[in-house]
């Protein structure tokens, strides 16, 4: 897929199969992180999601699926600060 890129985003705990919902600030897009077996969630993000917190951060993501209008794109989260 595409290379990694940094985005400013809001991350919040998801439900069912979308474990982290990622909203790139200033867009109408919604990205999703789904499974640990595909890519490991950074510890600082895991702690916030386990506590049920919503956070804003600069996140380094790597797309796993193509971007398609009207569909959630799945990504790996490589880092957050």
PDB file of N, CA and C in Angstrom:
ATOM      1  N   UNK A   1       0.830  -1.184   0.000  1.00  0.00           N
ATOM      2  CA  UNK A   1       0.000   0.000   0.000  1.00  0.00           C
ATOM      3  C   UNK A   1       0.876   1.249   0.000  1.00  0.00           C
ATOM      4  N   UNK A   2       0.307   2.303   0.478  1.00  0.00           N
ATOM      5  CA  UNK A   2       0.976   3.604   0.480  1.00  0.00           C
ATOM      6  C   UNK A   2       1.983   3.691   1.632  1.00  0.00           C
ATOM      7  N   UNK A   3       2.911   4.644   1.537  1.00  0.00           N
ATOM      8  CA  UNK A   3       3.886   4.824   2.624  1.00  0.00           C
ATOM      9  C   UNK A   3       3.253   5.475   3.848  1.00  0.00           C
ATOM     10  N   UNK A   4       3.991   5.471   4.948  1.00  0.00           N
ATOM     11  CA  UNK A   4       3.523   6.103   6.187  1.00  0.00           C
ATOM     12  C   UNK A   4       3.420   7.605   6.007  1.00  0.00           C
ATOM     13  N   UNK A   5       2.477   8.210   6.764  1.00  0.00           N
ATOM     14  CA  UNK A   5       2.356   9.666   6.768  1.00  0.00           C
ATOM     15  C   UNK A   5       1.846  10.107   8.125  1.00  0.00           C
ATOM     16  N   UNK A   6       2.156  11.358   8.474  1.00  0.00           N
ATOM     17  CA  UNK A   6       1.701  11.950   9.733  1.00  0.00           C
ATOM     18  C   UNK A   6       0.411  12.710   9.496  1.00  0.00           C
ATOM     19  N   UNK A   7      -0.543  12.544  10.413  1.00  0.00           N
ATOM     20  CA  UNK A   7      -1.791  13.300  10.368  1.00  0.00           C
ATOM     21  C   UNK A   7      -2.119  13.796  11.772  1.00  0.00           C
ATOM     22  N   UNK A   8      -2.827  14.906  11.880  1.00  0.00           N
ATOM     23  CA  UNK A   8      -3.344  15.379  13.158  1.00  0.00           C
ATOM     24  C   UNK A   8      -4.752  14.816  13.261  1.00  0.00           C
ATOM     25  N   UNK A   9      -5.023  14.041  14.300  1.00  0.00           N
ATOM     26  CA  UNK A   9      -6.290  13.313  14.351  1.00  0.00           C
ATOM     27  C   UNK A   9      -6.828  13.187  15.762  1.00  0.00           C
ATOM     28  N   UNK A  10      -8.139  12.910  15.811  1.00  0.00           N
ATOM     29  CA  UNK A  10      -8.803  12.543  17.062  1.00  0.00           C
ATOM     30  C   UNK A  10      -8.918  11.025  17.055  1.00  0.00           C
ATOM     31  N   UNK A  11      -8.505  10.388  18.123  1.00  0.00           N
ATOM     32  CA  UNK A  11      -8.610   8.939  18.262  1.00  0.00           C
ATOM     33  C   UNK A  11      -9.557   8.650  19.410  1.00  0.00           C
ATOM     34  N   UNK A  12     -10.461   7.703  19.189  1.00  0.00           N
ATOM     35  CA  UNK A  12     -11.393   7.334  20.240  1.00  0.00           C
ATOM     36  C   UNK A  12     -11.642   5.837  20.183  1.00  0.00           C
ATOM     37  N   UNK A  13     -11.990   5.248  21.326  1.00  0.00           N
ATOM     38  CA  UNK A  13     -12.266   3.816  21.342  1.00  0.00           C
ATOM     39  C   UNK A  13     -13.453   3.503  20.433  1.00  0.00           C
ATOM     40  N   UNK A  14     -13.347   2.401  19.731  1.00  0.00           N
ATOM     41  CA  UNK A  14     -14.440   1.957  18.874  1.00  0.00           C
ATOM     42  C   UNK A  14     -15.235   0.869  19.562  1.00  0.00           C
ATOM     43  N   UNK A  15     -15.980   0.160  18.773  1.00  0.00           N
ATOM     44  CA  UNK A  15     -16.776  -0.955  19.270  1.00  0.00           C
ATOM     45  C   UNK A  15     -16.666  -2.091  18.273  1.00  0.00           C
ATOM     46  N   UNK A  16     -17.134  -3.225  18.631  1.00  0.00           N
ATOM     47  CA  UNK A  16     -17.107  -4.454  17.832  1.00  0.00           C
ATOM     48  C   UNK A  16     -15.754  -4.651  17.148  1.00  0.00           C
ATOM     49  N   UNK A  17     -15.671  -4.646  15.831  1.00  0.00           N
ATOM     50  CA  UNK A  17     -14.403  -4.984  15.172  1.00  0.00           C
ATOM     51  C   UNK A  17     -13.520  -3.770  14.886  1.00  0.00           C
ATOM     52  N   UNK A  18     -14.003  -2.546  15.054  1.00  0.00           N
ATOM     53  CA  UNK A  18     -13.175  -1.349  14.906  1.00  0.00           C
ATOM     54  C   UNK A  18     -12.757  -0.924  16.309  1.00  0.00           C
ATOM     55  N   UNK A  19     -11.516  -1.205  16.678  1.00  0.00           N
ATOM     56  CA  UNK A  19     -11.071  -0.972  18.053  1.00  0.00           C
ATOM     57  C   UNK A  19     -10.667   0.470  18.311  1.00  0.00           C
ATOM     58  N   UNK A  20     -10.164   1.165  17.273  1.00  0.00           N
ATOM     59  CA  UNK A  20      -9.817   2.584  17.389  1.00  0.00           C
ATOM     60  C   UNK A  20     -10.368   3.291  16.157  1.00  0.00           C
ATOM     61  N   UNK A  21     -11.159   4.325  16.400  1.00  0.00           N
ATOM     62  CA  UNK A  21     -11.674   5.165  15.309  1.00  0.00           C
ATOM     63  C   UNK A  21     -10.798   6.412  15.233  1.00  0.00           C
ATOM     64  N   UNK A  22     -10.395   6.754  14.020  1.00  0.00           N
ATOM     65  CA  UNK A  22      -9.450   7.849  13.802  1.00  0.00           C
ATOM     66  C   UNK A  22     -10.087   8.857  12.853  1.00  0.00           C
ATOM     67  N   UNK A  23     -10.254  10.093  13.343  1.00  0.00           N
ATOM     68  CA  UNK A  23     -10.805  11.148  12.508  1.00  0.00           C
ATOM     69  C   UNK A  23      -9.695  12.154  12.209  1.00  0.00           C
ATOM     70  N   UNK A  24      -9.198  12.194  10.950  1.00  0.00           N
ATOM     71  CA  UNK A  24      -8.213  13.220  10.594  1.00  0.00           C
ATOM     72  C   UNK A  24      -8.872  14.599  10.679  1.00  0.00           C
ATOM     73  N   UNK A  25      -8.363  15.449  11.548  1.00  0.00           N
ATOM     74  CA  UNK A  25      -8.956  16.758  11.796  1.00  0.00           C
ATOM     75  C   UNK A  25      -9.052  17.542  10.487  1.00  0.00           C
ATOM     76  N   UNK A  26     -10.218  18.163  10.268  1.00  0.00           N
ATOM     77  CA  UNK A  26     -10.435  18.974   9.088  1.00  0.00           C
ATOM     78  C   UNK A  26     -10.948  18.206   7.880  1.00  0.00           C
ATOM     79  N   UNK A  27     -11.262  16.919   8.070  1.00  0.00           N
ATOM     80  CA  UNK A  27     -11.791  16.112   6.971  1.00  0.00           C
ATOM     81  C   UNK A  27     -13.131  15.522   7.375  1.00  0.00           C
ATOM     82  N   UNK A  28     -13.769  14.871   6.437  1.00  0.00           N
ATOM     83  CA  UNK A  28     -14.998  14.117   6.710  1.00  0.00           C
ATOM     84  C   UNK A  28     -14.716  12.620   6.697  1.00  0.00           C
ATOM     85  N   UNK A  29     -13.445  12.243   6.694  1.00  0.00           N
ATOM     86  CA  UNK A  29     -13.037  10.844   6.641  1.00  0.00           C
ATOM     87  C   UNK A  29     -13.045  10.224   8.036  1.00  0.00           C
ATOM     88  N   UNK A  30     -13.188   8.915   8.078  1.00  0.00           N
ATOM     89  CA  UNK A  30     -13.050   8.161   9.307  1.00  0.00           C
ATOM     90  C   UNK A  30     -12.188   6.955   8.976  1.00  0.00           C
ATOM     91  N   UNK A  31     -11.098   6.810   9.720  1.00  0.00           N
ATOM     92  CA  UNK A  31     -10.178   5.692   9.530  1.00  0.00           C
ATOM     93  C   UNK A  31     -10.371   4.719  10.688  1.00  0.00           C
ATOM     94  N   UNK A  32      -9.931   3.490  10.503  1.00  0.00           N
ATOM     95  CA  UNK A  32     -10.088   2.507  11.567  1.00  0.00           C
ATOM     96  C   UNK A  32      -8.874   1.627  11.753  1.00  0.00           C
ATOM     97  N   UNK A  33      -8.591   1.306  13.003  1.00  0.00           N
ATOM     98  CA  UNK A  33      -7.576   0.304  13.365  1.00  0.00           C
ATOM     99  C   UNK A  33      -8.349  -0.875  13.916  1.00  0.00           C
ATOM    100  N   UNK A  34      -8.027  -2.089  13.401  1.00  0.00           N
ATOM    101  CA  UNK A  34      -8.884  -3.210  13.748  1.00  0.00           C
ATOM    102  C   UNK A  34      -8.257  -4.293  14.605  1.00  0.00           C
ATOM    103  N   UNK A  35      -7.061  -4.758  14.253  1.00  0.00           N
ATOM    104  CA  UNK A  35      -6.592  -5.983  14.909  1.00  0.00           C
ATOM    105  C   UNK A  35      -5.111  -5.938  15.244  1.00  0.00           C
ATOM    106  N   UNK A  36      -4.804  -6.523  16.375  1.00  0.00           N
ATOM    107  CA  UNK A  36      -3.425  -6.617  16.860  1.00  0.00           C
ATOM    108  C   UNK A  36      -2.576  -7.531  15.986  1.00  0.00           C
ATOM    109  N   UNK A  37      -3.169  -8.536  15.354  1.00  0.00           N
ATOM    110  CA  UNK A  37      -2.361  -9.468  14.557  1.00  0.00           C
ATOM    111  C   UNK A  37      -1.875  -8.852  13.252  1.00  0.00           C
ATOM    112  N   UNK A  38      -2.470  -7.739  12.832  1.00  0.00           N
ATOM    113  CA  UNK A  38      -2.036  -7.048  11.611  1.00  0.00           C
ATOM    114  C   UNK A  38      -0.919  -6.064  11.943  1.00  0.00           C
ATOM    115  N   UNK A  39      -1.098  -5.267  12.985  1.00  0.00           N
ATOM    116  CA  UNK A  39      -0.064  -4.336  13.442  1.00  0.00           C
ATOM    117  C   UNK A  39      -0.306  -4.007  14.913  1.00  0.00           C
ATOM    118  N   UNK A  40       0.764  -3.843  15.645  1.00  0.00           N
ATOM    119  CA  UNK A  40       0.694  -3.589  17.079  1.00  0.00           C
ATOM    120  C   UNK A  40       0.342  -2.135  17.348  1.00  0.00           C
ATOM    121  N   UNK A  41      -0.548  -1.909  18.283  1.00  0.00           N
ATOM    122  CA  UNK A  41      -0.936  -0.564  18.686  1.00  0.00           C
ATOM    123  C   UNK A  41       0.126  -0.011  19.640  1.00  0.00           C
ATOM    124  N   UNK A  42       0.638   1.213  19.399  1.00  0.00           N
ATOM    125  CA  UNK A  42       1.619   1.790  20.323  1.00  0.00           C
ATOM    126  C   UNK A  42       1.067   1.847  21.753  1.00  0.00           C
ATOM    127  N   UNK A  43       1.938   1.639  22.724  1.00  0.00           N
ATOM    128  CA  UNK A  43       1.528   1.534  24.125  1.00  0.00           C
ATOM    129  C   UNK A  43       0.821   2.785  24.631  1.00  0.00           C
ATOM    130  N   UNK A  44       1.273   3.988  24.213  1.00  0.00           N
ATOM    131  CA  UNK A  44       0.617   5.207  24.708  1.00  0.00           C
ATOM    132  C   UNK A  44      -0.819   5.314  24.181  1.00  0.00           C
ATOM    133  N   UNK A  45      -1.075   4.824  22.984  1.00  0.00           N
ATOM    134  CA  UNK A  45      -2.434   4.822  22.442  1.00  0.00           C
ATOM    135  C   UNK A  45      -3.259   3.733  23.119  1.00  0.00           C
ATOM    136  N   UNK A  46      -2.663   2.572  23.314  1.00  0.00           N
ATOM    137  CA  UNK A  46      -3.379   1.475  23.974  1.00  0.00           C
ATOM    138  C   UNK A  46      -3.861   1.883  25.357  1.00  0.00           C
ATOM    139  N   UNK A  47      -3.009   2.543  26.127  1.00  0.00           N
ATOM    140  CA  UNK A  47      -3.388   2.957  27.489  1.00  0.00           C
ATOM    141  C   UNK A  47      -4.576   3.917  27.452  1.00  0.00           C
ATOM    142  N   UNK A  48      -4.563   4.850  26.522  1.00  0.00           N
ATOM    143  CA  UNK A  48      -5.672   5.817  26.418  1.00  0.00           C
ATOM    144  C   UNK A  48      -6.960   5.125  25.989  1.00  0.00           C
ATOM    145  N   UNK A  49      -6.874   4.203  25.040  1.00  0.00           N
ATOM    146  CA  UNK A  49      -8.067   3.509  24.554  1.00  0.00           C
ATOM    147  C   UNK A  49      -8.627   2.582  25.631  1.00  0.00           C
ATOM    148  N   UNK A  50      -7.750   1.902  26.374  1.00  0.00           N
ATOM    149  CA  UNK A  50      -8.201   1.024  27.456  1.00  0.00           C
ATOM    150  C   UNK A  50      -8.920   1.814  28.546  1.00  0.00           C
ATOM    151  N   UNK A  51      -8.515   3.076  28.731  1.00  0.00           N
ATOM    152  CA  UNK A  51      -9.158   3.931  29.737  1.00  0.00           C
ATOM    153  C   UNK A  51     -10.428   4.587  29.183  1.00  0.00           C
ATOM    154  N   UNK A  52     -10.748   4.360  27.906  1.00  0.00           N
ATOM    155  CA  UNK A  52     -11.947   4.919  27.312  1.00  0.00           C
ATOM    156  C   UNK A  52     -11.834   6.393  26.962  1.00  0.00           C
ATOM    157  N   UNK A  53     -10.602   6.892  26.845  1.00  0.00           N
ATOM    158  CA  UNK A  53     -10.387   8.314  26.578  1.00  0.00           C
ATOM    159  C   UNK A  53     -10.349   8.618  25.087  1.00  0.00           C
ATOM    160  N   UNK A  54     -10.758   9.815  24.734  1.00  0.00           N
ATOM    161  CA  UNK A  54     -10.592  10.360  23.393  1.00  0.00           C
ATOM    162  C   UNK A  54      -9.383  11.275  23.440  1.00  0.00           C
ATOM    163  N   UNK A  55      -8.481  11.140  22.469  1.00  0.00           N
ATOM    164  CA  UNK A  55      -7.277  11.969  22.468  1.00  0.00           C
ATOM    165  C   UNK A  55      -7.077  12.594  21.095  1.00  0.00           C
ATOM    166  N   UNK A  56      -6.384  13.715  21.085  1.00  0.00           N
ATOM    167  CA  UNK A  56      -5.929  14.361  19.862  1.00  0.00           C
ATOM    168  C   UNK A  56      -4.421  14.197  19.824  1.00  0.00           C
ATOM    169  N   UNK A  57      -3.886  13.817  18.664  1.00  0.00           N
ATOM    170  CA  UNK A  57      -2.454  13.577  18.554  1.00  0.00           C
ATOM    171  C   UNK A  57      -2.017  13.683  17.100  1.00  0.00           C
ATOM    172  N   UNK A  58      -0.716  13.844  16.923  1.00  0.00           N
ATOM    173  CA  UNK A  58      -0.127  13.674  15.600  1.00  0.00           C
ATOM    174  C   UNK A  58       0.196  12.191  15.504  1.00  0.00           C
ATOM    175  N   UNK A  59      -0.406  11.533  14.527  1.00  0.00           N
ATOM    176  CA  UNK A  59      -0.328  10.083  14.417  1.00  0.00           C
ATOM    177  C   UNK A  59       0.354   9.706  13.108  1.00  0.00           C
ATOM    178  N   UNK A  60       1.288   8.780  13.192  1.00  0.00           N
ATOM    179  CA  UNK A  60       1.907   8.240  11.984  1.00  0.00           C
ATOM    180  C   UNK A  60       1.121   6.999  11.607  1.00  0.00           C
ATOM    181  N   UNK A  61       0.510   7.034  10.416  1.00  0.00           N
ATOM    182  CA  UNK A  61      -0.317   5.913   9.966  1.00  0.00           C
ATOM    183  C   UNK A  61       0.248   5.320   8.681  1.00  0.00           C
ATOM    184  N   UNK A  62      -0.073   4.049   8.474  1.00  0.00           N
ATOM    185  CA  UNK A  62       0.246   3.364   7.218  1.00  0.00           C
ATOM    186  C   UNK A  62      -1.042   2.733   6.715  1.00  0.00           C
ATOM    187  N   UNK A  63      -1.539   3.173   5.554  1.00  0.00           N
ATOM    188  CA  UNK A  63      -2.781   2.618   5.023  1.00  0.00           C
ATOM    189  C   UNK A  63      -2.658   1.120   4.727  1.00  0.00           C
ATOM    190  N   UNK A  64      -3.698   0.374   5.082  1.00  0.00           N
ATOM    191  CA  UNK A  64      -3.764  -1.053   4.773  1.00  0.00           C
ATOM    192  C   UNK A  64      -4.719  -1.325   3.618  1.00  0.00           C
ATOM    193  N   UNK A  65      -5.669  -0.408   3.402  1.00  0.00           N
ATOM    194  CA  UNK A  65      -6.646  -0.549   2.329  1.00  0.00           C
ATOM    195  C   UNK A  65      -6.647   0.716   1.480  1.00  0.00           C
ATOM    196  N   UNK A  66      -7.192   0.613   0.293  1.00  0.00           N
ATOM    197  CA  UNK A  66      -7.323   1.758  -0.601  1.00  0.00           C
ATOM    198  C   UNK A  66      -8.329   2.750  -0.025  1.00  0.00           C
ATOM    199  N   UNK A  67      -8.117   4.025  -0.287  1.00  0.00           N
ATOM    200  CA  UNK A  67      -9.080   5.055   0.092  1.00  0.00           C
ATOM    201  C   UNK A  67     -10.214   5.053  -0.923  1.00  0.00           C
ATOM    202  N   UNK A  68     -11.455   4.871  -0.442  1.00  0.00           N
ATOM    203  CA  UNK A  68     -12.637   4.861  -1.304  1.00  0.00           C
ATOM    204  C   UNK A  68     -13.706   5.737  -0.680  1.00  0.00           C
ATOM    205  N   UNK A  69     -14.276   6.655  -1.462  1.00  0.00           N
ATOM    206  CA  UNK A  69     -15.345   7.496  -0.922  1.00  0.00           C
ATOM    207  C   UNK A  69     -16.478   6.644  -0.343  1.00  0.00           C
ATOM    208  N   UNK A  70     -16.940   7.026   0.851  1.00  0.00           N
ATOM    209  CA  UNK A  70     -18.048   6.328   1.482  1.00  0.00           C
ATOM    210  C   UNK A  70     -17.681   5.064   2.238  1.00  0.00           C
ATOM    211  N   UNK A  71     -16.384   4.703   2.256  1.00  0.00           N
ATOM    212  CA  UNK A  71     -15.940   3.496   2.964  1.00  0.00           C
ATOM    213  C   UNK A  71     -14.833   3.850   3.953  1.00  0.00           C
ATOM    214  N   UNK A  72     -14.847   3.180   5.102  1.00  0.00           N
ATOM    215  CA  UNK A  72     -13.784   3.391   6.076  1.00  0.00           C
ATOM    216  C   UNK A  72     -12.492   2.793   5.542  1.00  0.00           C
ATOM    217  N   UNK A  73     -11.416   3.544   5.675  1.00  0.00           N
ATOM    218  CA  UNK A  73     -10.101   3.042   5.295  1.00  0.00           C
ATOM    219  C   UNK A  73      -9.430   2.491   6.555  1.00  0.00           C
ATOM    220  N   UNK A  74      -8.806   1.325   6.434  1.00  0.00           N
ATOM    221  CA  UNK A  74      -8.125   0.718   7.568  1.00  0.00           C
ATOM    222  C   UNK A  74      -6.648   1.044   7.514  1.00  0.00           C
ATOM    223  N   UNK A  75      -6.074   1.318   8.697  1.00  0.00           N
ATOM    224  CA  UNK A  75      -4.692   1.752   8.794  1.00  0.00           C
ATOM    225  C   UNK A  75      -3.991   1.068   9.962  1.00  0.00           C
ATOM    226  N   UNK A  76      -2.662   1.078   9.911  1.00  0.00           N
ATOM    227  CA  UNK A  76      -1.828   0.746  11.060  1.00  0.00           C
ATOM    228  C   UNK A  76      -1.408   2.058  11.697  1.00  0.00           C
ATOM    229  N   UNK A  77      -1.286   2.068  12.991  1.00  0.00           N
ATOM    230  CA  UNK A  77      -0.784   3.232  13.705  1.00  0.00           C
ATOM    231  C   UNK A  77       0.637   2.904  14.129  1.00  0.00           C
ATOM    232  N   UNK A  78       1.606   3.597  13.509  1.00  0.00           N
ATOM    233  CA  UNK A  78       3.002   3.323  13.802  1.00  0.00           C
ATOM    234  C   UNK A  78       3.489   4.078  15.033  1.00  0.00           C
ATOM    235  N   UNK A  79       2.977   5.294  15.234  1.00  0.00           N
ATOM    236  CA  UNK A  79       3.414   6.112  16.362  1.00  0.00           C
ATOM    237  C   UNK A  79       2.402   7.220  16.609  1.00  0.00           C
ATOM    238  N   UNK A  80       2.447   7.785  17.805  1.00  0.00           N
ATOM    239  CA  UNK A  80       1.586   8.932  18.150  1.00  0.00           C
ATOM    240  C   UNK A  80       2.332   9.823  19.115  1.00  0.00           C
ATOM    241  N   UNK A  81       2.140  11.118  18.935  1.00  0.00           N
ATOM    242  CA  UNK A  81       2.777  12.074  19.840  1.00  0.00           C
ATOM    243  C   UNK A  81       1.884  13.283  20.020  1.00  0.00           C
TER     244      UNK A  81
END
